[in-house]
């Protein structure tokens, strides 16, 4: 698995560097999205943002009504993270549905047709852009469903422990928090990886919506560990860039903006955009690798079936080669 993931990452880096000028120009499309993500995270401070505090209170009320113990540490952390994610998603949604989808469609078209330069945006609208857009909207609902599934599992487990009489134990709550964090992380990670691959499937095969997600789930079956490993470099890089923005820009901001801070913020946002593009490139290379493996497997299965049919087809009792039709 690690060898396979390493080969795909090397191919992705090679493709990214060979077409760096094209990808660097496409990163300008992602720049508004990157800036909105970084700025929204800076603005959504739990102590100063009234919107975040309101959403956090609503989600906490839902968790309390569902029967989650107030002393459950993971539930408290999850409440705040869900509130921040929901607010950031709504703030960045207009940029995501336009600039990010256009950038993804452009990268997918380049890798699909092996172009040396980005295609015109108007040529992307009828097919690739709309396919990726519809898939992105369906993927958002898919992620929401995955969260609901994880919460249902946590809710059932918590109530079962409460009926048995173990919910009051501190050790039980600690183990429940650890188990909930692991289960939730596994469900969410697999869902996000499948949704990212679904966007590539939509652009490559011109099929959008639930069909692209279904095909992505079929492709990723048996390759989940590889897909998760491939998602690590870009996501870790984006997390580092987000931390760098908080440390270099937000921490030193005191109500005034000078030229050096502004240019540093622009540079950090552009680096974030390049990482987003690299993540799309990696997904495309992974998709091509999956298709290549499936084609090879289908050819091998057909070949062995043909040999068996030729041997069995002999009616004289002795081995004899005989032509047969392949379906």
Protein backbone atom coordinates (compact mmCIF):
# COMPACT_ATOMS: atom_id res chain seq x y z
CA UNK A 1 0.00 0.00 0.00
CA UNK A 2 2.75 2.46 0.94
CA UNK A 3 4.72 1.60 -2.19
CA UNK A 4 1.66 2.18 -4.37
CA UNK A 5 0.85 5.47 -2.63
CA UNK A 6 4.46 6.59 -2.97
CA UNK A 7 4.42 5.94 -6.71
CA UNK A 8 1.21 7.95 -7.15
CA UNK A 9 2.60 10.83 -5.10
CA UNK A 10 5.79 10.86 -7.17
CA UNK A 11 3.75 10.87 -10.39
CA UNK A 12 1.61 13.69 -9.01
CA UNK A 13 4.65 15.79 -8.10
CA UNK A 14 6.20 15.14 -11.51
CA UNK A 15 3.00 16.15 -13.30
CA UNK A 16 2.61 19.22 -11.09
CA UNK A 17 6.15 20.40 -11.80
CA UNK A 18 5.96 19.64 -15.53
CA UNK A 19 2.79 21.73 -15.84
CA UNK A 20 3.61 24.23 -13.12
CA UNK A 21 2.89 27.32 -15.21
CA UNK A 22 -0.59 26.07 -16.07
CA UNK A 23 -1.36 25.07 -12.49
CA UNK A 24 0.08 28.31 -11.13
CA UNK A 25 -2.31 30.30 -13.30
CA UNK A 26 -5.22 28.08 -12.27
CA UNK A 27 -4.28 28.71 -8.63
CA UNK A 28 -5.32 32.32 -9.18
CA UNK A 29 -8.88 31.01 -9.57
CA UNK A 30 -8.62 29.31 -6.20
CA UNK A 31 -7.15 32.39 -4.52
CA UNK A 32 -10.53 33.95 -3.55
CA UNK A 33 -11.55 30.63 -2.01
CA UNK A 34 -8.29 30.33 -0.08
CA UNK A 35 -8.53 33.91 1.16
CA UNK A 36 -12.12 33.41 2.29
CA UNK A 37 -11.23 30.19 4.13
CA UNK A 38 -8.29 31.74 5.96
CA UNK A 39 -10.16 34.94 6.80
CA UNK A 40 -13.27 33.08 7.96
CA UNK A 41 -11.19 30.99 10.35
CA UNK A 42 -9.63 34.15 11.72
CA UNK A 43 -13.01 35.87 12.08
CA UNK A 44 -14.75 32.91 13.74
CA UNK A 45 -13.24 33.40 17.17
CA UNK A 46 -15.24 31.57 19.87
CA UNK A 47 -14.86 34.49 22.29
CA UNK A 48 -15.62 37.40 19.96
CA UNK A 49 -17.90 36.10 17.18
CA UNK A 50 -21.61 36.41 18.12
CA UNK A 51 -22.67 34.32 15.12
CA UNK A 52 -20.39 31.45 16.13
CA UNK A 53 -21.56 31.67 19.73
CA UNK A 54 -25.20 31.45 18.63
CA UNK A 55 -24.60 28.45 16.35
CA UNK A 56 -22.51 26.78 19.06
CA UNK A 57 -25.32 27.23 21.59
CA UNK A 58 -27.86 25.73 19.17
CA UNK A 59 -25.72 22.67 18.46
CA UNK A 60 -25.00 22.19 22.16
CA UNK A 61 -28.74 22.28 22.86
CA UNK A 62 -29.29 19.59 20.22
CA UNK A 63 -26.62 17.37 21.76
CA UNK A 64 -28.09 17.85 25.24
CA UNK A 65 -31.58 17.05 23.96
CA UNK A 66 -30.23 13.89 22.29
CA UNK A 67 -29.01 12.64 25.64
CA UNK A 68 -25.25 13.13 25.34
CA UNK A 69 -23.68 13.58 28.80
CA UNK A 70 -22.48 17.17 29.37
CA UNK A 71 -19.26 15.75 30.81
CA UNK A 72 -18.42 13.91 27.57
CA UNK A 73 -15.27 15.72 26.42
CA UNK A 74 -15.45 14.69 22.79
CA UNK A 75 -19.02 15.99 22.47
CA UNK A 76 -17.94 19.38 23.81
CA UNK A 77 -15.06 19.63 21.36
CA UNK A 78 -17.25 18.39 18.53
CA UNK A 79 -19.89 21.04 19.27
CA UNK A 80 -17.40 23.86 18.78
CA UNK A 81 -15.81 22.28 15.70
CA UNK A 82 -19.18 21.70 14.05
CA UNK A 83 -20.21 25.29 14.71
CA UNK A 84 -16.96 26.61 13.19
CA UNK A 85 -17.25 24.29 10.19
CA UNK A 86 -20.88 25.24 9.53
CA UNK A 87 -20.19 28.98 9.72
CA UNK A 88 -17.05 28.74 7.57
CA UNK A 89 -18.90 26.61 5.00
CA UNK A 90 -21.66 29.20 4.63
CA UNK A 91 -19.21 32.10 4.42
CA UNK A 92 -17.11 30.45 1.71
CA UNK A 93 -19.97 28.81 -0.21
CA UNK A 94 -20.32 31.52 -2.94
CA UNK A 95 -16.60 31.32 -3.73
CA UNK A 96 -16.58 27.52 -3.59
CA UNK A 97 -19.45 27.09 -6.04
CA UNK A 98 -17.80 29.37 -8.59
CA UNK A 99 -14.03 29.73 -8.39
CA UNK A 100 -13.16 26.38 -6.79
CA UNK A 101 -15.43 24.35 -9.08
CA UNK A 102 -14.03 26.16 -12.14
CA UNK A 103 -10.46 25.46 -11.00
CA UNK A 104 -11.19 21.78 -10.37
CA UNK A 105 -12.88 21.42 -13.75
CA UNK A 106 -9.90 23.04 -15.47
CA UNK A 107 -7.35 20.76 -13.78
CA UNK A 108 -9.45 17.68 -14.54
CA UNK A 109 -9.79 18.68 -18.18
CA UNK A 110 -6.01 19.20 -18.48
CA UNK A 111 -5.24 15.77 -17.04
CA UNK A 112 -8.04 14.06 -18.93
CA UNK A 113 -6.96 15.31 -22.34
CA UNK A 114 -3.24 15.80 -21.58
CA UNK A 115 -3.37 19.48 -22.48
CA UNK A 116 -0.30 21.67 -22.21
CA UNK A 117 -2.29 24.83 -21.41
CA UNK A 118 -5.51 25.54 -19.50
CA UNK A 119 -8.64 25.33 -21.68
CA UNK A 120 -11.01 28.25 -22.11
CA UNK A 121 -13.49 28.59 -19.27
CA UNK A 122 -16.46 28.86 -21.64
CA UNK A 123 -15.63 25.41 -23.03
CA UNK A 124 -15.89 23.93 -19.52
CA UNK A 125 -19.39 25.20 -18.73
CA UNK A 126 -21.65 22.78 -20.67
CA UNK A 127 -20.05 19.55 -19.46
CA UNK A 128 -17.25 19.44 -16.91
CA UNK A 129 -18.19 22.46 -14.80
CA UNK A 130 -21.84 21.46 -14.41
CA UNK A 131 -20.91 17.84 -13.67
CA UNK A 132 -18.43 18.82 -10.97
CA UNK A 133 -20.87 21.39 -9.55
CA UNK A 134 -23.75 18.93 -9.22
CA UNK A 135 -21.40 16.36 -7.69
CA UNK A 136 -20.10 18.90 -5.18
CA UNK A 137 -23.64 19.72 -4.05
CA UNK A 138 -24.50 16.03 -3.69
CA UNK A 139 -21.22 15.45 -1.86
CA UNK A 140 -22.20 18.10 0.68
CA UNK A 141 -25.39 16.17 1.40
CA UNK A 142 -23.33 12.96 1.54
CA UNK A 143 -21.02 14.46 4.16
CA UNK A 144 -24.05 15.65 6.13
CA UNK A 145 -25.48 12.13 6.02
CA UNK A 146 -22.16 10.69 7.21
CA UNK A 147 -22.16 13.08 10.16
CA UNK A 148 -25.73 12.09 10.98
CA UNK A 149 -24.73 8.42 10.88
CA UNK A 150 -21.81 9.01 13.23
CA UNK A 151 -24.01 10.96 15.64
CA UNK A 152 -26.61 8.18 15.56
CA UNK A 153 -23.98 5.62 16.50
CA UNK A 154 -22.78 7.84 19.33
CA UNK A 155 -26.36 8.44 20.48
CA UNK A 156 -27.22 4.72 20.54
CA UNK A 157 -23.99 3.86 22.38
CA UNK A 158 -24.51 6.59 24.97
CA UNK A 159 -28.09 5.54 25.69
CA UNK A 160 -27.15 1.86 25.93
CA UNK A 161 -24.47 2.71 28.49
CA UNK A 162 -26.98 4.86 30.34
CA UNK A 163 -29.49 1.98 30.49
CA UNK A 164 -26.81 -0.42 31.72
CA UNK A 165 -25.75 2.11 34.34
CA UNK A 166 -22.20 2.78 33.19
CA UNK A 167 -22.61 6.35 31.94
CA UNK A 168 -21.76 7.89 35.32
CA UNK A 169 -18.29 6.33 35.46
CA UNK A 170 -15.40 8.66 34.62
CA UNK A 171 -13.42 5.81 33.04
CA UNK A 172 -16.40 4.90 30.88
CA UNK A 173 -16.81 8.48 29.69
CA UNK A 174 -13.10 8.68 28.89
CA UNK A 175 -13.21 5.46 26.87
CA UNK A 176 -16.41 6.61 25.16
CA UNK A 177 -14.77 9.90 24.17
CA UNK A 178 -11.75 8.10 22.71
CA UNK A 179 -13.89 5.55 20.84
CA UNK A 180 -16.22 8.27 19.53
CA UNK A 181 -13.28 10.30 18.24
CA UNK A 182 -11.84 7.28 16.43
CA UNK A 183 -15.15 6.19 14.87
CA UNK A 184 -16.07 9.73 13.84
CA UNK A 185 -12.64 10.33 12.30
CA UNK A 186 -12.79 7.09 10.31
CA UNK A 187 -16.28 7.79 8.97
CA UNK A 188 -15.52 11.41 8.08
CA UNK A 189 -12.13 10.65 6.50
CA UNK A 190 -13.54 7.92 4.26
CA UNK A 191 -16.46 10.15 3.28
CA UNK A 192 -14.27 13.11 2.36
CA UNK A 193 -11.89 10.94 0.33
CA UNK A 194 -14.80 9.42 -1.59
CA UNK A 195 -16.28 12.88 -2.24
CA UNK A 196 -12.97 14.23 -3.55
CA UNK A 197 -12.65 11.28 -5.90
CA UNK A 198 -16.27 11.75 -6.97
CA UNK A 199 -15.46 15.24 -8.26
CA UNK A 200 -12.71 13.75 -10.43
CA UNK A 201 -15.02 10.98 -11.67
CA UNK A 202 -17.63 13.61 -12.59
CA UNK A 203 -15.12 15.59 -14.63
CA UNK A 204 -13.47 12.60 -16.28
CA UNK A 205 -16.63 10.70 -17.20
CA UNK A 206 -19.09 13.61 -17.57
CA UNK A 207 -21.48 12.13 -15.03
CA UNK A 208 -22.58 14.27 -12.13
CA UNK A 209 -24.54 13.95 -8.93
CA UNK A 210 -25.16 10.69 -7.07
CA UNK A 211 -23.87 8.55 -9.97
CA UNK A 212 -20.38 10.07 -9.65
CA UNK A 213 -20.37 9.42 -5.90
CA UNK A 214 -21.49 5.83 -6.46
CA UNK A 215 -18.74 5.24 -9.02
CA UNK A 216 -16.18 6.79 -6.67
CA UNK A 217 -17.26 4.46 -3.85
CA UNK A 218 -16.90 1.47 -6.20
CA UNK A 219 -13.46 2.62 -7.36
CA UNK A 220 -12.20 3.23 -3.84
CA UNK A 221 -13.30 -0.19 -2.60
CA UNK A 222 -10.21 -2.11 -1.56
CA UNK A 223 -8.05 1.00 -1.99
CA UNK A 224 -9.20 3.00 1.04
CA UNK A 225 -5.83 2.90 2.79
CA UNK A 226 -4.08 4.16 -0.34
CA UNK A 227 -6.63 6.95 -0.80
CA UNK A 228 -6.25 8.08 2.81
CA UNK A 229 -2.47 8.06 2.50
CA UNK A 230 -2.64 10.16 -0.68
CA UNK A 231 -4.87 12.71 1.05
CA UNK A 232 -2.35 13.29 3.85
CA UNK A 233 0.35 15.42 2.12
CA UNK A 234 -1.93 18.14 0.76
CA UNK A 235 -4.15 18.24 3.84
CA UNK A 236 -1.21 18.39 6.22
CA UNK A 237 0.26 21.16 4.08
CA UNK A 238 -3.00 23.11 4.18
CA UNK A 239 -3.16 22.69 7.97
CA UNK A 240 0.39 24.05 8.25
CA UNK A 241 -0.51 27.02 6.03
CA UNK A 242 -3.60 27.73 8.15
CA UNK A 243 -1.45 27.71 11.28
CA UNK A 244 1.10 29.95 9.57
CA UNK A 245 -1.65 32.42 8.69
CA UNK A 246 -2.84 32.47 12.29
CA UNK A 247 0.69 32.97 13.59
CA UNK A 248 2.01 35.49 11.06
CA UNK A 249 -1.12 37.50 10.23
CA UNK A 250 -3.85 37.11 12.83
CA UNK A 251 -1.53 37.22 15.84
CA UNK A 252 0.16 40.47 14.82
CA UNK A 253 -3.01 42.16 13.54
CA UNK A 254 -4.03 45.03 15.81
CA UNK A 255 -6.65 46.83 13.77
CA UNK A 256 -4.28 48.20 11.13
CA UNK A 257 -2.88 46.77 7.91
CA UNK A 258 0.52 47.67 6.53
CA UNK A 259 2.03 46.68 3.21
CA UNK A 260 4.27 43.92 4.55
CA UNK A 261 1.41 42.14 6.34
CA UNK A 262 -0.80 42.42 3.28
CA UNK A 263 1.79 40.90 0.93
CA UNK A 264 2.58 38.15 3.42
CA UNK A 265 -1.13 37.31 3.68
CA UNK A 266 -1.42 37.22 -0.12
CA UNK A 267 1.59 34.91 -0.36
CA UNK A 268 0.22 32.53 2.28
CA UNK A 269 -3.19 32.43 0.57
CA UNK A 270 -1.53 31.69 -2.79
CA UNK A 271 0.49 28.83 -1.27
CA UNK A 272 -2.78 27.47 0.08
CA UNK A 273 -4.23 27.67 -3.44
CA UNK A 274 -1.31 25.71 -4.88
CA UNK A 275 -1.87 22.98 -2.30
CA UNK A 276 -5.53 22.78 -3.29
CA UNK A 277 -4.50 22.36 -6.93
CA UNK A 278 -1.95 19.69 -5.98
CA UNK A 279 -4.66 17.80 -4.09
CA UNK A 280 -6.84 17.77 -7.22
CA UNK A 281 -3.88 16.57 -9.32
CA UNK A 282 -3.24 13.74 -6.86
CA UNK A 283 -6.90 12.69 -7.00
CA UNK A 284 -6.76 12.64 -10.81
CA UNK A 285 -3.61 10.50 -10.85
CA UNK A 286 -5.20 8.16 -8.31
CA UNK A 287 -8.32 7.90 -10.49
CA UNK A 288 -6.24 7.00 -13.55
CA UNK A 289 -4.36 4.41 -11.51
CA UNK A 290 -7.63 2.83 -10.35
CA UNK A 291 -9.00 2.73 -13.91
CA UNK A 292 -5.75 1.23 -15.19
CA UNK A 293 -5.80 -1.47 -12.52
CA UNK A 294 -9.45 -2.30 -13.22
CA UNK A 295 -8.79 -2.53 -16.96
CA UNK A 296 -5.79 -4.79 -16.35
CA UNK A 297 -7.82 -6.97 -13.99
CA UNK A 298 -10.67 -7.22 -16.51
CA UNK A 299 -8.23 -8.17 -19.28
CA UNK A 300 -6.59 -10.80 -17.07
CA UNK A 301 -9.95 -12.29 -16.10
CA UNK A 302 -11.04 -12.38 -19.74
CA UNK A 303 -7.78 -14.00 -20.80
CA UNK A 304 -7.99 -16.80 -18.23
CA UNK A 305 -11.63 -17.36 -19.09
CA UNK A 306 -10.73 -17.68 -22.77
CA UNK A 307 -8.01 -20.28 -22.08
CA UNK A 308 -10.38 -22.34 -19.92
CA UNK A 309 -13.08 -22.18 -22.56
CA UNK A 310 -10.66 -23.36 -25.25
CA UNK A 311 -9.55 -26.34 -23.17
CA UNK A 312 -13.02 -27.40 -22.08
CA UNK A 313 -14.51 -26.83 -25.55
CA UNK A 314 -12.72 -29.85 -26.97
CA UNK A 315 -15.18 -32.73 -27.54
CA UNK A 316 -12.61 -35.39 -28.46
CA UNK A 317 -11.26 -35.83 -24.96
CA UNK A 318 -7.74 -34.60 -25.72
CA UNK A 319 -6.41 -31.09 -25.25
CA UNK A 320 -6.86 -29.13 -28.41
CA UNK A 321 -6.79 -25.46 -29.19
CA UNK A 322 -10.04 -24.16 -30.53
CA UNK A 323 -11.02 -20.60 -31.32
CA UNK A 324 -13.89 -19.18 -29.32
CA UNK A 325 -15.67 -15.84 -29.23
CA UNK A 326 -15.02 -13.42 -26.39
CA UNK A 327 -17.87 -11.40 -24.91
